[in-house]
Structure formats: structure tokens, C-alpha cells
N, C-alpha and C. Protein backbone atom coordinates (compact mmCIF):
# COMPACT_ATOMS: atom_id res chain seq x y z
N MET A 1 -14.89 4.02 4.28
CA MET A 1 -13.65 4.75 3.96
C MET A 1 -12.59 4.48 5.02
N ILE A 2 -11.39 4.33 4.56
CA ILE A 2 -10.24 4.36 5.44
C ILE A 2 -9.62 5.71 5.29
N LEU A 3 -9.73 6.52 6.31
CA LEU A 3 -9.20 7.87 6.30
C LEU A 3 -7.79 7.93 6.84
N ALA A 4 -7.24 9.11 7.02
CA ALA A 4 -5.85 9.27 7.44
C ALA A 4 -5.49 8.46 8.67
N GLU A 5 -6.36 8.48 9.67
CA GLU A 5 -6.06 7.73 10.90
C GLU A 5 -6.01 6.21 10.62
N GLY A 6 -6.91 5.72 9.76
CA GLY A 6 -6.89 4.32 9.41
C GLY A 6 -5.67 3.93 8.63
N VAL A 7 -5.21 4.82 7.75
CA VAL A 7 -4.00 4.57 6.98
C VAL A 7 -2.79 4.57 7.94
N GLU A 8 -2.79 5.45 8.91
CA GLU A 8 -1.71 5.45 9.91
C GLU A 8 -1.70 4.15 10.70
N ARG A 9 -2.87 3.63 11.02
CA ARG A 9 -2.92 2.34 11.73
C ARG A 9 -2.45 1.21 10.83
N LEU A 10 -2.81 1.25 9.56
CA LEU A 10 -2.31 0.22 8.63
C LEU A 10 -0.79 0.31 8.54
N CYS A 11 -0.27 1.49 8.42
CA CYS A 11 1.17 1.66 8.37
C CYS A 11 1.85 1.09 9.63
N ALA A 12 1.24 1.37 10.79
CA ALA A 12 1.78 0.84 12.05
C ALA A 12 1.74 -0.68 12.04
N ASP A 13 0.64 -1.25 11.51
CA ASP A 13 0.51 -2.70 11.47
C ASP A 13 1.56 -3.39 10.60
N ILE A 14 2.02 -2.66 9.55
CA ILE A 14 3.00 -3.23 8.64
C ILE A 14 4.40 -2.64 8.86
N ASP A 15 4.54 -1.90 9.95
CA ASP A 15 5.85 -1.32 10.38
C ASP A 15 6.44 -0.38 9.30
N VAL A 16 5.61 0.51 8.79
CA VAL A 16 6.05 1.48 7.77
C VAL A 16 5.62 2.88 8.26
N GLU A 17 6.49 3.83 8.11
CA GLU A 17 6.11 5.21 8.41
C GLU A 17 5.15 5.70 7.33
N PRO A 18 4.13 6.42 7.68
CA PRO A 18 3.17 6.95 6.67
C PRO A 18 3.86 7.76 5.56
N ALA A 19 4.95 8.42 5.85
CA ALA A 19 5.67 9.21 4.85
C ALA A 19 6.63 8.41 3.99
N ASP A 20 6.76 7.11 4.28
CA ASP A 20 7.64 6.22 3.51
C ASP A 20 7.14 6.17 2.06
N VAL A 21 8.06 6.23 1.14
CA VAL A 21 7.71 6.22 -0.29
C VAL A 21 6.94 4.98 -0.71
N VAL A 22 7.10 3.91 0.01
CA VAL A 22 6.39 2.66 -0.37
C VAL A 22 4.87 2.84 -0.22
N THR A 23 4.43 3.81 0.57
CA THR A 23 2.99 4.07 0.67
C THR A 23 2.44 4.57 -0.63
N LEU A 24 3.28 5.19 -1.47
CA LEU A 24 2.84 5.59 -2.81
C LEU A 24 2.54 4.36 -3.67
N VAL A 25 3.35 3.34 -3.53
CA VAL A 25 3.13 2.12 -4.27
C VAL A 25 1.81 1.45 -3.80
N LEU A 26 1.59 1.49 -2.51
CA LEU A 26 0.31 0.96 -1.99
C LEU A 26 -0.86 1.69 -2.59
N SER A 27 -0.75 3.03 -2.61
CA SER A 27 -1.83 3.84 -3.21
C SER A 27 -2.00 3.55 -4.68
N TYR A 28 -0.90 3.30 -5.37
CA TYR A 28 -0.97 2.93 -6.79
C TYR A 28 -1.76 1.67 -6.99
N PHE A 29 -1.41 0.60 -6.24
CA PHE A 29 -2.08 -0.66 -6.38
C PHE A 29 -3.55 -0.59 -5.97
N MET A 30 -3.84 0.29 -5.03
CA MET A 30 -5.22 0.44 -4.58
C MET A 30 -6.00 1.40 -5.47
N LYS A 31 -5.31 1.99 -6.42
CA LYS A 31 -5.94 2.93 -7.36
C LYS A 31 -6.71 4.01 -6.58
N ALA A 32 -6.05 4.50 -5.54
CA ALA A 32 -6.66 5.51 -4.67
C ALA A 32 -6.89 6.81 -5.43
N VAL A 33 -8.10 7.27 -5.36
CA VAL A 33 -8.41 8.57 -5.97
C VAL A 33 -7.82 9.71 -5.16
N ASN A 34 -7.85 9.57 -3.82
CA ASN A 34 -7.34 10.58 -2.91
C ASN A 34 -6.19 9.98 -2.11
N MET A 35 -5.04 10.67 -2.12
CA MET A 35 -3.89 10.22 -1.36
C MET A 35 -4.23 10.25 0.14
N GLY A 36 -3.84 9.18 0.82
CA GLY A 36 -4.02 9.11 2.26
C GLY A 36 -5.36 8.59 2.70
N GLU A 37 -6.19 8.13 1.76
CA GLU A 37 -7.44 7.49 2.14
C GLU A 37 -7.85 6.51 1.04
N PHE A 38 -8.59 5.48 1.48
CA PHE A 38 -8.99 4.45 0.54
C PHE A 38 -10.47 4.14 0.78
N THR A 39 -11.20 3.97 -0.30
CA THR A 39 -12.57 3.42 -0.16
C THR A 39 -12.42 1.92 0.08
N LYS A 40 -13.48 1.30 0.50
CA LYS A 40 -13.45 -0.15 0.71
C LYS A 40 -13.08 -0.87 -0.58
N ASP A 41 -13.68 -0.44 -1.70
CA ASP A 41 -13.39 -1.10 -2.98
C ASP A 41 -11.93 -0.91 -3.39
N GLU A 42 -11.39 0.29 -3.17
CA GLU A 42 -9.99 0.53 -3.49
C GLU A 42 -9.08 -0.35 -2.65
N PHE A 43 -9.38 -0.42 -1.36
CA PHE A 43 -8.55 -1.22 -0.45
C PHE A 43 -8.60 -2.70 -0.80
N VAL A 44 -9.78 -3.19 -0.94
CA VAL A 44 -9.97 -4.64 -1.25
C VAL A 44 -9.37 -4.98 -2.59
N GLY A 45 -9.60 -4.12 -3.59
CA GLY A 45 -9.06 -4.39 -4.91
C GLY A 45 -7.55 -4.29 -4.93
N GLY A 46 -6.95 -3.35 -4.20
CA GLY A 46 -5.53 -3.24 -4.11
C GLY A 46 -4.87 -4.41 -3.41
N MET A 47 -5.46 -4.81 -2.31
CA MET A 47 -4.92 -5.97 -1.60
C MET A 47 -4.98 -7.22 -2.48
N ARG A 48 -6.06 -7.38 -3.19
CA ARG A 48 -6.20 -8.51 -4.11
C ARG A 48 -5.16 -8.42 -5.22
N ALA A 49 -4.95 -7.24 -5.78
CA ALA A 49 -3.96 -7.05 -6.85
C ALA A 49 -2.56 -7.39 -6.38
N MET A 50 -2.28 -7.14 -5.12
CA MET A 50 -0.96 -7.46 -4.56
C MET A 50 -0.89 -8.86 -4.05
N GLY A 51 -1.98 -9.61 -4.08
CA GLY A 51 -1.98 -10.98 -3.60
C GLY A 51 -1.97 -11.08 -2.10
N CYS A 52 -2.55 -10.12 -1.42
CA CYS A 52 -2.52 -10.05 0.05
C CYS A 52 -3.95 -10.09 0.58
N ASP A 53 -4.14 -10.84 1.64
CA ASP A 53 -5.45 -10.81 2.32
C ASP A 53 -5.34 -10.55 3.81
N THR A 54 -4.12 -10.25 4.27
CA THR A 54 -3.91 -9.90 5.66
C THR A 54 -2.80 -8.85 5.73
N ALA A 55 -2.74 -8.14 6.83
CA ALA A 55 -1.66 -7.16 7.02
C ALA A 55 -0.30 -7.85 7.05
N ALA A 56 -0.26 -9.05 7.61
CA ALA A 56 1.01 -9.78 7.66
C ALA A 56 1.53 -10.11 6.25
N LYS A 57 0.62 -10.49 5.36
CA LYS A 57 1.05 -10.76 3.97
C LYS A 57 1.47 -9.50 3.27
N LEU A 58 0.81 -8.38 3.58
CA LEU A 58 1.18 -7.11 3.00
C LEU A 58 2.57 -6.72 3.51
N LYS A 59 2.83 -6.93 4.77
CA LYS A 59 4.16 -6.63 5.33
C LYS A 59 5.23 -7.45 4.66
N ASP A 60 4.93 -8.73 4.38
CA ASP A 60 5.87 -9.61 3.69
C ASP A 60 6.11 -9.16 2.26
N LYS A 61 5.15 -8.48 1.67
CA LYS A 61 5.21 -8.02 0.28
C LYS A 61 6.04 -6.74 0.13
N LEU A 62 6.29 -6.05 1.21
CA LEU A 62 6.97 -4.76 1.14
C LEU A 62 8.30 -4.79 0.43
N PRO A 63 9.16 -5.76 0.68
CA PRO A 63 10.46 -5.77 -0.06
C PRO A 63 10.25 -5.83 -1.59
N GLU A 64 9.29 -6.57 -2.01
CA GLU A 64 8.98 -6.65 -3.45
C GLU A 64 8.51 -5.29 -3.98
N LEU A 65 7.65 -4.62 -3.22
CA LEU A 65 7.15 -3.32 -3.61
C LEU A 65 8.30 -2.27 -3.64
N ARG A 66 9.20 -2.39 -2.65
CA ARG A 66 10.33 -1.47 -2.63
C ARG A 66 11.27 -1.74 -3.84
N GLN A 67 11.38 -3.02 -4.20
CA GLN A 67 12.21 -3.37 -5.36
C GLN A 67 11.65 -2.73 -6.65
N MET A 68 10.34 -2.68 -6.74
CA MET A 68 9.73 -2.06 -7.91
C MET A 68 10.14 -0.60 -8.03
N LEU A 69 10.35 0.05 -6.90
CA LEU A 69 10.74 1.45 -6.89
C LEU A 69 12.19 1.65 -7.33
N SER A 70 13.00 0.68 -7.00
CA SER A 70 14.44 0.83 -7.26
C SER A 70 14.93 0.28 -8.60
N GLU A 71 14.11 -0.51 -9.26
CA GLU A 71 14.56 -1.10 -10.52
C GLU A 71 14.57 -0.04 -11.61
N GLU A 72 15.71 0.08 -12.24
CA GLU A 72 15.87 1.05 -13.31
C GLU A 72 14.95 0.73 -14.47
N GLY A 73 14.20 1.70 -14.91
CA GLY A 73 13.34 1.47 -16.03
C GLY A 73 12.00 0.84 -15.69
N GLU A 74 11.84 0.48 -14.43
CA GLU A 74 10.58 -0.13 -14.01
C GLU A 74 9.46 0.89 -14.06
N CYS A 75 8.37 0.54 -14.65
CA CYS A 75 7.24 1.43 -14.74
C CYS A 75 6.06 0.72 -14.14
N LEU A 76 5.46 1.32 -13.13
CA LEU A 76 4.30 0.70 -12.46
C LEU A 76 3.12 0.72 -13.35
């Protein structure tokens, strides 16, 4: 499990505040059952779904994830 402290470290690695709305998109892609924590399967599956295999690639993906939030009519 990646618990709250691990999620905070992930956020620090990708330069995002844990309260940033983009973390909701991450949770969506990871199909997290519980907000603020991920099982190994949720994390790996979510990273795969986003096309990321490193924190650096996830950081590079953030603008695209933010765009999903701002597009009118976009439904995740």
C-alpha cells in the first residue's frame, strides 16, 4: 500500500501539492478505492493507463491531466 505519507512523497516528486485538484485525476486513473492511498495494483495500473513508468514521466503528463479538467464537456 501507498498510504498518505507515500502519496505526499509522490506529490513532492512530481512538484504537486497533495491538495491540488490534479491529484483527483491521478486517483481516477489509478481507480483508487480510498482517496489518499493506493494499492500496488491500483498504482501500477494507473501509471500504465497514463502511459507513465517513472515519476518524471508522470510529472511531464500533468499538463495533459490538467487540460482534461479544464475542457468544457470533458468527462473522465
